[in-house]
Amino acid sequence: MNAKFHHNVYVIQLKSSVMKDKKFLAENPGLDSSLPCYYVGITGLTPEERFLNHKSGHKPSRIAKKYGMHLVPELYEELNPMTYEEAKNMEPELAMRLRSKGHGIWQK
C-alpha cells in the first residue's frame, strides 16, 4: 500500500446505554432512539487496531471505551484507505450523513 494512503475512517457501534450520557445527548438533539448510535473516527492504524486501542485504554475516546461494542465495516470499508487530508475531511462528512438519518454520533 502506498504510504500516502494509509489513513482510515472507521465506525464503532455504541451500546444503547450511551443515550443516558448527558454529553452524548447534548451533541445529538435530533437522535432517533430506535436507531443505533455510532462513534466515527480516523486513524493511521487499521480500524481493528484502533478499536482495540480504544477498548484497552490506549489513547481512548471516553465514549468509545465505555460504550463501544464492535466495528461496523459496511459503513466505511469502501472509503478506505485514503490520505490524512481525505480522512480528516471524510470523518465529519460521514458523521453528518449518519446524524442526518437520526443516528446518535460521537466524534471526540
Protein backbone atom coordinates (compact mmCIF):
# COMPACT_ATOMS: atom_id res chain seq x y z
CA MET A 1 0.00 0.00 0.00
CA ASN A 2 1.21 3.49 -0.81
CA ALA A 3 2.39 5.17 2.43
CA LYS A 4 0.45 8.30 1.47
CA PHE A 5 -2.83 6.32 1.56
CA HIS A 6 -2.67 4.75 5.00
CA HIS A 7 -5.40 6.59 6.90
CA ASN A 8 -8.85 5.20 7.51
CA VAL A 9 -12.22 6.38 8.73
CA TYR A 10 -13.99 3.89 10.97
CA VAL A 11 -17.31 3.47 12.73
CA ILE A 12 -17.96 1.76 16.07
CA GLN A 13 -21.47 0.81 17.11
CA LEU A 14 -22.23 2.00 20.63
CA LYS A 15 -24.33 0.35 23.32
CA SER A 16 -27.81 1.85 23.59
CA SER A 17 -26.95 2.90 27.17
CA VAL A 18 -24.93 5.75 25.59
CA MET A 19 -28.29 7.51 25.24
CA LYS A 20 -28.20 8.10 29.01
CA ASP A 21 -24.93 10.07 28.73
CA LYS A 22 -25.71 13.78 29.09
CA LYS A 23 -22.84 14.96 26.88
CA PHE A 24 -23.77 12.47 24.15
CA LEU A 25 -27.40 13.61 24.22
CA ALA A 26 -26.36 17.26 24.06
CA GLU A 27 -24.40 16.52 20.85
CA ASN A 28 -27.37 14.71 19.29
CA PRO A 29 -30.57 16.73 19.68
CA GLY A 30 -32.19 15.00 16.65
CA LEU A 31 -31.43 11.50 17.89
CA ASP A 32 -33.87 8.76 16.89
CA SER A 33 -33.64 6.35 19.84
CA SER A 34 -34.80 3.44 17.66
CA LEU A 35 -31.60 3.65 15.56
CA PRO A 36 -28.07 2.53 16.52
CA CYS A 37 -25.58 5.09 17.80
CA TYR A 38 -22.04 5.30 16.46
CA TYR A 39 -18.57 6.63 17.17
CA VAL A 40 -16.90 7.95 13.98
CA GLY A 41 -13.14 8.42 13.88
CA ILE A 42 -10.00 8.49 11.75
CA THR A 43 -6.78 6.58 12.26
CA GLY A 44 -3.40 5.84 10.72
CA LEU A 45 -3.82 2.28 12.04
CA THR A 46 -6.25 -0.32 10.80
CA PRO A 47 -9.76 0.20 12.16
CA GLU A 48 -9.39 -3.10 14.05
CA GLU A 49 -6.18 -1.94 15.77
CA ARG A 50 -7.71 1.41 16.68
CA PHE A 51 -10.85 -0.21 18.10
CA LEU A 52 -8.70 -2.46 20.30
CA ASN A 53 -6.75 0.60 21.47
CA HIS A 54 -9.97 2.35 22.48
CA LYS A 55 -11.15 -0.69 24.42
CA SER A 56 -7.78 -1.32 26.11
CA GLY A 57 -7.47 2.31 27.20
CA HIS A 58 -4.61 3.33 24.86
CA LYS A 59 -5.49 6.90 23.75
CA PRO A 60 -9.20 6.14 24.03
CA SER A 61 -12.25 8.21 23.43
CA ARG A 62 -14.25 8.05 26.66
CA ILE A 63 -17.41 7.20 24.72
CA ALA A 64 -15.75 4.54 22.52
CA LYS A 65 -14.06 2.90 25.51
CA LYS A 66 -17.15 2.80 27.72
CA TYR A 67 -19.88 2.13 25.14
CA GLY A 68 -18.09 0.69 22.07
CA MET A 69 -19.38 -2.74 21.00
CA HIS A 70 -17.92 -3.51 17.58
CA LEU A 71 -16.82 -2.03 14.28
CA VAL A 72 -19.39 -1.51 11.51
CA PRO A 73 -17.27 -2.00 8.36
CA GLU A 74 -20.21 -1.77 5.95
CA LEU A 75 -20.37 1.95 6.81
CA TYR A 76 -16.73 2.74 5.95
CA GLU A 77 -14.91 -0.10 4.14
CA GLU A 78 -15.43 1.23 0.63
CA LEU A 79 -13.96 4.60 1.64
CA ASN A 80 -10.56 3.32 2.86
CA PRO A 81 -7.62 3.76 2.61
CA MET A 82 -7.07 7.45 1.99
CA THR A 83 -4.66 10.28 2.67
CA TYR A 84 -4.71 12.05 6.02
CA GLU A 85 -6.34 15.12 4.44
CA GLU A 86 -9.05 12.99 2.83
CA ALA A 87 -9.71 11.17 6.12
CA LYS A 88 -9.80 14.45 8.05
CA ASN A 89 -12.48 15.70 5.64
CA MET A 90 -14.37 12.41 5.40
CA GLU A 91 -14.81 11.94 9.17
CA PRO A 92 -17.21 14.89 9.68
CA GLU A 93 -18.92 14.17 6.35
CA LEU A 94 -19.63 10.57 7.32
CA ALA A 95 -20.74 11.64 10.81
CA MET A 96 -23.08 14.25 9.32
CA ARG A 97 -24.53 11.70 6.88
CA LEU A 98 -25.32 9.29 9.72
CA ARG A 99 -26.60 12.02 12.05
CA SER A 100 -28.93 13.34 9.32
CA LYS A 101 -30.60 9.90 9.30
CA GLY A 102 -31.25 10.14 13.04
CA HIS A 103 -28.29 8.17 14.38
CA GLY A 104 -26.60 9.45 17.52
CA ILE A 105 -22.94 10.22 16.68
CA TRP A 106 -19.80 10.88 18.73
CA GLN A 107 -16.58 12.12 17.12
CA LYS A 108 -14.36 13.23 20.00
